[in-house]
Amino acid sequence: MKESMRAAVKDWRGTLKIWGLMTFGTVLVALGVYCFKFPNPFSTGGVSGLGVVLGGLFPGFTPGNIITVINILFLVLGFAVLKGGFGVKTVYCSLLFSLLLDVLERVWPLEAPLTDQPLLELFFAVLLPALGSGILFNIGASTGGTDIAALILKKYTAMDTGMALLCCDVLIAAGTFLVFDAATGLFSVLGLVLKSTLIDTVIESLNRKKSFTVITTKPQEVCDFITHTIKRGATVWQGKGAYTDADHWVILTALSRGQAVALRNYVKTVDPHAFFVISNSSEIFGKGFLRA
């Protein structure tokens, strides 16, 4: 009974954490888009970029209005074509993103950029949405829009969806040259390049763990520390030194950054002659890490 209650509490906390992260990530995207993309106006692709370009073509509509309409159309199309296969998380984040933009436009109307430094504005126009998108992508969510289009293309065509979406983003960013001016266009293209790099960096940073390999003559002490003190698993096999012909044991484990530091310090004390290799990894699959 107690075990089932603990499992239920753990599941509830995990669910709450996921929804909290989705909300936080969507808020970051909305703030970056509204505060820095809309006023300048920068277009770095995607639905928000399309909203900026169309907002310039049709002054009677705000970019936020256009994004809301596009997101709703994509959701309807997704339900019709994919039978809702894009998931509840995407629906929630897409609707929340549109709602936040609408609320910001009503509560805090911006008639001009926050500063007179376009490079600084571009930095935050890219950084905040990249952080938010990285958080969302890392938990299998997104703010919808072109991500639903990618799923549809993937289902019905043999097209490389990543390349197709990249081409669309480039065209949307290039549209700022025609709708606005050359400076805005150049900033938008630069922002598109930075965005694609930053999102990958954010995802890797969120998932970054340490792959720790120890070659030691004290395997029992090291394994006891790993399993009992830092509560991780390990794999052990016996080896032999190529030069000394002495017996050694090789221990492989995957740890968080803090756990890696603790193990490194412990190994130094218990076996000063141990040899160990610590490497960064953002893709560790298995119990306690990412799900395959």
Protein backbone atom coordinates (compact mmCIF):
# COMPACT_ATOMS: atom_id res chain seq x y z
CA MET A 1 0.00 0.00 0.00
CA LYS A 2 2.76 2.40 0.96
CA GLU A 3 4.70 1.58 -2.21
CA SER A 4 1.66 2.28 -4.38
CA MET A 5 1.09 5.59 -2.60
CA ARG A 6 4.72 6.57 -3.09
CA ALA A 7 4.50 5.67 -6.76
CA ALA A 8 1.31 7.73 -7.12
CA VAL A 9 2.91 10.73 -5.41
CA LYS A 10 6.01 10.37 -7.59
CA ASP A 11 3.87 10.21 -10.75
CA TRP A 12 1.87 13.24 -9.62
CA ARG A 13 5.03 15.24 -8.96
CA GLY A 14 6.47 14.21 -12.32
CA THR A 15 3.30 15.26 -14.14
CA LEU A 16 3.22 18.58 -12.28
CA LYS A 17 6.86 19.18 -13.18
CA ILE A 18 6.21 18.48 -16.87
CA TRP A 19 3.26 20.88 -17.03
CA GLY A 20 5.22 23.50 -15.11
CA LEU A 21 8.10 23.22 -17.57
CA MET A 22 5.69 23.46 -20.52
CA THR A 23 4.17 26.63 -19.07
CA PHE A 24 7.57 28.17 -18.28
CA GLY A 25 8.98 27.34 -21.72
CA THR A 26 5.93 28.77 -23.48
CA VAL A 27 6.13 31.97 -21.41
CA LEU A 28 9.79 32.42 -22.43
CA VAL A 29 8.89 31.99 -26.11
CA ALA A 30 5.99 34.43 -25.84
CA LEU A 31 8.06 37.10 -24.07
CA GLY A 32 10.89 36.84 -26.59
CA VAL A 33 8.51 37.03 -29.54
CA TYR A 34 6.33 39.85 -28.21
CA CYS A 35 8.95 42.06 -26.55
CA PHE A 36 11.73 41.77 -29.10
CA LYS A 37 10.54 40.24 -32.39
CA PHE A 38 7.32 42.16 -32.92
CA PRO A 39 8.52 45.74 -32.29
CA ASN A 40 11.69 45.60 -34.40
CA PRO A 41 10.32 43.64 -36.47
CA PHE A 42 12.50 40.53 -36.72
CA SER A 43 11.39 37.37 -38.51
CA THR A 44 13.44 34.24 -37.84
CA GLY A 45 11.06 31.79 -39.45
CA GLY A 46 8.26 29.70 -38.02
CA VAL A 47 4.74 30.89 -37.24
CA SER A 48 5.98 33.89 -35.24
CA GLY A 49 8.14 35.00 -38.16
CA LEU A 50 5.23 34.56 -40.57
CA GLY A 51 3.07 36.62 -38.23
CA VAL A 52 5.64 39.44 -38.31
CA VAL A 53 5.80 39.44 -42.13
CA LEU A 54 2.02 39.25 -42.62
CA GLY A 55 1.54 41.88 -39.93
CA GLY A 56 3.67 44.21 -42.04
CA LEU A 57 1.64 43.42 -45.15
CA PHE A 58 -1.74 43.84 -43.42
CA PRO A 59 -1.45 46.69 -40.90
CA GLY A 60 -5.04 46.14 -39.73
CA PHE A 61 -3.98 42.91 -38.03
CA THR A 62 -1.38 42.54 -35.30
CA PRO A 63 1.23 39.76 -35.54
CA GLY A 64 -0.34 38.21 -32.45
CA ASN A 65 -3.75 38.01 -34.14
CA ILE A 66 -2.21 36.36 -37.19
CA ILE A 67 -0.26 33.85 -35.09
CA THR A 68 -3.43 32.89 -33.21
CA VAL A 69 -5.33 32.27 -36.46
CA ILE A 70 -2.45 30.26 -37.97
CA ASN A 71 -2.00 28.15 -34.83
CA ILE A 72 -5.74 27.36 -34.67
CA LEU A 73 -5.76 26.43 -38.37
CA PHE A 74 -2.77 24.13 -37.86
CA LEU A 75 -4.41 22.51 -34.83
CA VAL A 76 -7.64 21.88 -36.77
CA LEU A 77 -5.62 20.54 -39.71
CA GLY A 78 -3.59 18.37 -37.33
CA PHE A 79 -6.70 16.87 -35.74
CA ALA A 80 -8.22 16.22 -39.18
CA VAL A 81 -5.12 14.72 -40.80
CA LEU A 82 -3.17 13.24 -37.90
CA LYS A 83 -6.16 12.35 -35.71
CA GLY A 84 -4.64 14.29 -32.84
CA GLY A 85 -1.33 12.43 -33.18
CA PHE A 86 0.70 15.51 -32.29
CA GLY A 87 -0.23 15.18 -28.61
CA VAL A 88 -1.90 17.06 -25.79
CA LYS A 89 1.33 18.88 -24.91
CA THR A 90 1.48 20.62 -28.28
CA VAL A 91 -2.20 21.61 -28.08
CA TYR A 92 -1.69 23.11 -24.62
CA CYS A 93 1.50 25.00 -25.52
CA SER A 94 0.08 26.24 -28.84
CA LEU A 95 -3.10 27.63 -27.25
CA LEU A 96 -1.19 29.07 -24.28
CA PHE A 97 1.29 30.77 -26.62
CA SER A 98 -1.52 32.44 -28.58
CA LEU A 99 -3.31 33.43 -25.37
CA LEU A 100 -0.18 35.00 -23.88
CA LEU A 101 0.44 37.06 -27.03
CA ASP A 102 -3.16 38.28 -26.99
CA VAL A 103 -2.96 39.23 -23.30
CA LEU A 104 0.37 41.04 -23.77
CA GLU A 105 -1.00 43.02 -26.73
CA ARG A 106 -3.94 44.17 -24.63
CA VAL A 107 -2.15 44.80 -21.33
CA TRP A 108 1.22 46.07 -22.58
CA PRO A 109 0.95 47.52 -26.11
CA LEU A 110 4.37 48.20 -27.64
CA GLU A 111 4.60 50.91 -30.28
CA ALA A 112 8.40 50.81 -30.57
CA PRO A 113 11.39 48.65 -29.56
CA LEU A 114 12.36 48.64 -25.90
CA THR A 115 15.84 50.01 -26.71
CA ASP A 116 17.65 51.72 -29.56
CA GLN A 117 20.15 48.83 -29.84
CA PRO A 118 18.99 46.45 -32.59
CA LEU A 119 21.77 43.90 -31.96
CA LEU A 120 20.84 43.72 -28.29
CA GLU A 121 17.19 43.33 -29.24
CA LEU A 122 18.06 40.58 -31.73
CA PHE A 123 20.05 38.73 -29.08
CA PHE A 124 17.03 38.52 -26.76
CA ALA A 125 14.65 37.92 -29.68
CA VAL A 126 16.65 34.76 -30.35
CA LEU A 127 17.77 33.78 -26.84
CA LEU A 128 14.41 33.72 -25.03
CA PRO A 129 12.51 31.70 -27.70
CA ALA A 130 15.51 29.37 -28.09
CA LEU A 131 15.58 28.69 -24.34
CA GLY A 132 11.83 28.17 -24.26
CA SER A 133 11.79 25.96 -27.36
CA GLY A 134 14.72 23.93 -26.05
CA ILE A 135 12.83 23.24 -22.81
CA LEU A 136 9.69 22.27 -24.75
CA PHE A 137 11.47 20.06 -27.29
CA ASN A 138 13.31 18.32 -24.47
CA ILE A 139 10.02 17.11 -22.95
CA GLY A 140 8.34 16.31 -26.25
CA ALA A 141 6.28 19.48 -26.59
CA SER A 142 6.23 22.51 -28.89
CA THR A 143 4.21 25.66 -29.56
CA GLY A 144 2.63 23.98 -32.60
CA GLY A 145 2.51 25.74 -35.96
CA THR A 146 5.19 24.51 -38.31
CA ASP A 147 5.87 21.47 -36.11
CA ILE A 148 2.41 20.15 -36.99
CA ALA A 149 3.14 20.88 -40.66
CA ALA A 150 6.31 18.79 -40.30
CA LEU A 151 4.31 15.84 -38.96
CA ILE A 152 1.87 16.09 -41.87
CA LEU A 153 4.70 16.22 -44.41
CA LYS A 154 6.37 13.27 -42.73
CA LYS A 155 3.18 11.22 -42.92
CA TYR A 156 2.30 11.80 -46.55
CA THR A 157 5.54 12.54 -48.36
CA ALA A 158 9.06 11.22 -48.61
CA MET A 159 10.34 14.77 -48.25
CA ASP A 160 13.08 15.55 -45.80
CA THR A 161 10.86 17.50 -43.38
CA GLY A 162 13.81 19.13 -41.61
CA MET A 163 15.10 20.52 -44.89
CA ALA A 164 11.59 21.55 -45.99
CA LEU A 165 11.00 23.49 -42.78
CA LEU A 166 14.44 25.09 -42.99
CA CYS A 167 13.64 26.28 -46.52
CA CYS A 168 10.32 27.69 -45.30
CA ASP A 169 12.08 29.50 -42.44
CA VAL A 170 14.60 30.98 -44.87
CA LEU A 171 11.81 32.20 -47.17
CA ILE A 172 9.91 33.72 -44.24
CA ALA A 173 13.04 35.47 -42.97
CA ALA A 174 13.84 36.67 -46.50
CA GLY A 175 10.34 38.14 -46.73
CA THR A 176 11.43 40.89 -44.35
CA PHE A 177 13.65 42.28 -47.12
CA LEU A 178 10.55 42.94 -49.23
CA VAL A 179 8.11 43.95 -46.51
CA PHE A 180 10.42 46.07 -44.36
CA ASP A 181 14.01 47.02 -45.25
CA ALA A 182 17.46 45.55 -45.85
CA ALA A 183 18.64 46.04 -42.26
CA THR A 184 15.65 44.20 -40.84
CA GLY A 185 16.14 41.43 -43.39
CA LEU A 186 19.79 40.99 -42.51
CA PHE A 187 19.03 40.94 -38.80
CA SER A 188 16.31 38.35 -39.42
CA VAL A 189 18.57 36.05 -41.42
CA LEU A 190 21.27 36.37 -38.74
CA GLY A 191 18.67 35.58 -36.08
CA LEU A 192 17.55 32.47 -37.98
CA VAL A 193 21.13 31.14 -38.02
CA LEU A 194 21.60 31.88 -34.31
CA LYS A 195 18.23 30.33 -33.42
CA SER A 196 18.98 26.94 -34.97
CA THR A 197 22.33 26.79 -33.19
CA LEU A 198 21.04 27.94 -29.81
CA ILE A 199 18.13 25.48 -29.64
CA ASP A 200 20.48 22.52 -30.15
CA THR A 201 22.85 23.95 -27.53
CA VAL A 202 20.03 24.37 -24.99
CA ILE A 203 18.77 20.80 -25.49
CA GLU A 204 22.27 19.38 -25.13
CA SER A 205 22.89 21.44 -21.99
CA LEU A 206 19.62 20.28 -20.38
CA ASN A 207 20.49 16.63 -21.01
CA ARG A 208 24.21 16.82 -20.36
CA LYS A 209 25.49 14.09 -18.07
CA LYS A 210 28.89 12.54 -17.37
CA SER A 211 30.08 9.20 -18.68
CA PHE A 212 32.57 8.03 -16.06
CA THR A 213 35.04 5.18 -16.68
CA VAL A 214 37.38 4.09 -13.87
CA ILE A 215 40.30 1.66 -14.15
CA THR A 216 41.16 0.64 -10.60
CA THR A 217 42.51 -2.07 -8.34
CA LYS A 218 39.81 -1.30 -5.73
CA PRO A 219 36.60 -2.22 -7.57
CA GLN A 220 34.56 -3.13 -4.49
CA GLU A 221 35.13 0.20 -2.75
CA VAL A 222 34.38 2.20 -5.89
CA CYS A 223 31.24 0.18 -6.70
CA ASP A 224 29.98 0.47 -3.13
CA PHE A 225 30.34 4.25 -3.30
CA ILE A 226 28.49 4.37 -6.65
CA THR A 227 25.61 2.11 -5.63
CA HIS A 228 25.14 3.05 -1.98
CA THR A 229 26.31 6.65 -1.65
CA ILE A 230 25.36 8.31 -4.93
CA LYS A 231 22.64 5.76 -5.75
CA ARG A 232 23.64 4.91 -9.30
CA GLY A 233 24.31 1.71 -11.19
CA ALA A 234 27.58 0.56 -12.72
CA THR A 235 29.01 -2.15 -14.95
CA VAL A 236 32.28 -3.88 -14.04
CA TRP A 237 34.61 -6.05 -16.08
CA GLN A 238 38.13 -7.32 -15.53
CA GLY A 239 41.05 -6.11 -17.62
CA LYS A 240 44.82 -6.36 -17.76
CA GLY A 241 47.42 -3.64 -18.12
CA ALA A 242 49.10 -3.77 -21.52
CA TYR A 243 52.48 -2.72 -20.13
CA THR A 244 52.43 -3.98 -16.52
CA ASP A 245 50.41 -7.15 -17.20
CA ALA A 246 48.72 -6.44 -13.85
CA ASP A 247 45.04 -7.16 -13.24
CA HIS A 248 42.69 -4.17 -13.14
CA TRP A 249 38.94 -3.66 -13.08
CA VAL A 250 37.10 -1.33 -15.42
CA ILE A 251 33.97 0.34 -14.02
CA LEU A 252 31.56 2.24 -16.24
CA THR A 253 28.80 4.46 -14.91
CA ALA A 254 26.71 7.48 -15.97
CA LEU A 255 26.28 10.36 -13.54
CA SER A 256 25.10 13.90 -13.11
CA ARG A 257 27.72 16.63 -12.85
CA GLY A 258 27.62 16.76 -9.05
CA GLN A 259 27.78 12.99 -8.75
CA ALA A 260 30.77 12.88 -11.11
CA VAL A 261 32.65 15.36 -8.91
CA ALA A 262 31.85 13.33 -5.79
CA LEU A 263 33.02 10.08 -7.40
CA ARG A 264 36.18 11.70 -8.75
CA ASN A 265 37.11 12.97 -5.30
CA TYR A 266 36.36 9.60 -3.70
CA VAL A 267 38.39 7.61 -6.24
CA LYS A 268 41.38 9.89 -5.64
CA THR A 269 41.30 9.07 -1.93
CA VAL A 270 40.63 5.31 -2.13
CA ASP A 271 42.92 4.57 -5.09
CA PRO A 272 45.40 7.36 -5.88
CA HIS A 273 46.79 5.35 -8.82
CA ALA A 274 43.41 4.83 -10.48
CA PHE A 275 42.95 5.97 -14.06
CA PHE A 276 39.61 7.48 -14.98
CA VAL A 277 38.03 9.16 -17.97
CA ILE A 278 35.13 11.61 -17.62
CA SER A 279 33.33 12.70 -20.78
CA ASN A 280 30.24 14.79 -21.50
CA SER A 281 27.23 13.09 -23.00
CA SER A 282 23.78 14.49 -23.82
CA GLU A 283 22.31 11.17 -24.95
CA ILE A 284 22.29 8.57 -22.18
CA PHE A 285 19.32 6.22 -22.38
CA GLY A 286 18.10 3.88 -19.67
CA LYS A 287 16.69 3.85 -16.17
CA GLY A 288 17.22 7.18 -14.45
CA PHE A 289 18.07 8.96 -17.72
CA LEU A 290 16.36 9.46 -21.07
CA ARG A 291 13.71 7.07 -22.31
CA ALA A 292 14.57 5.38 -25.58
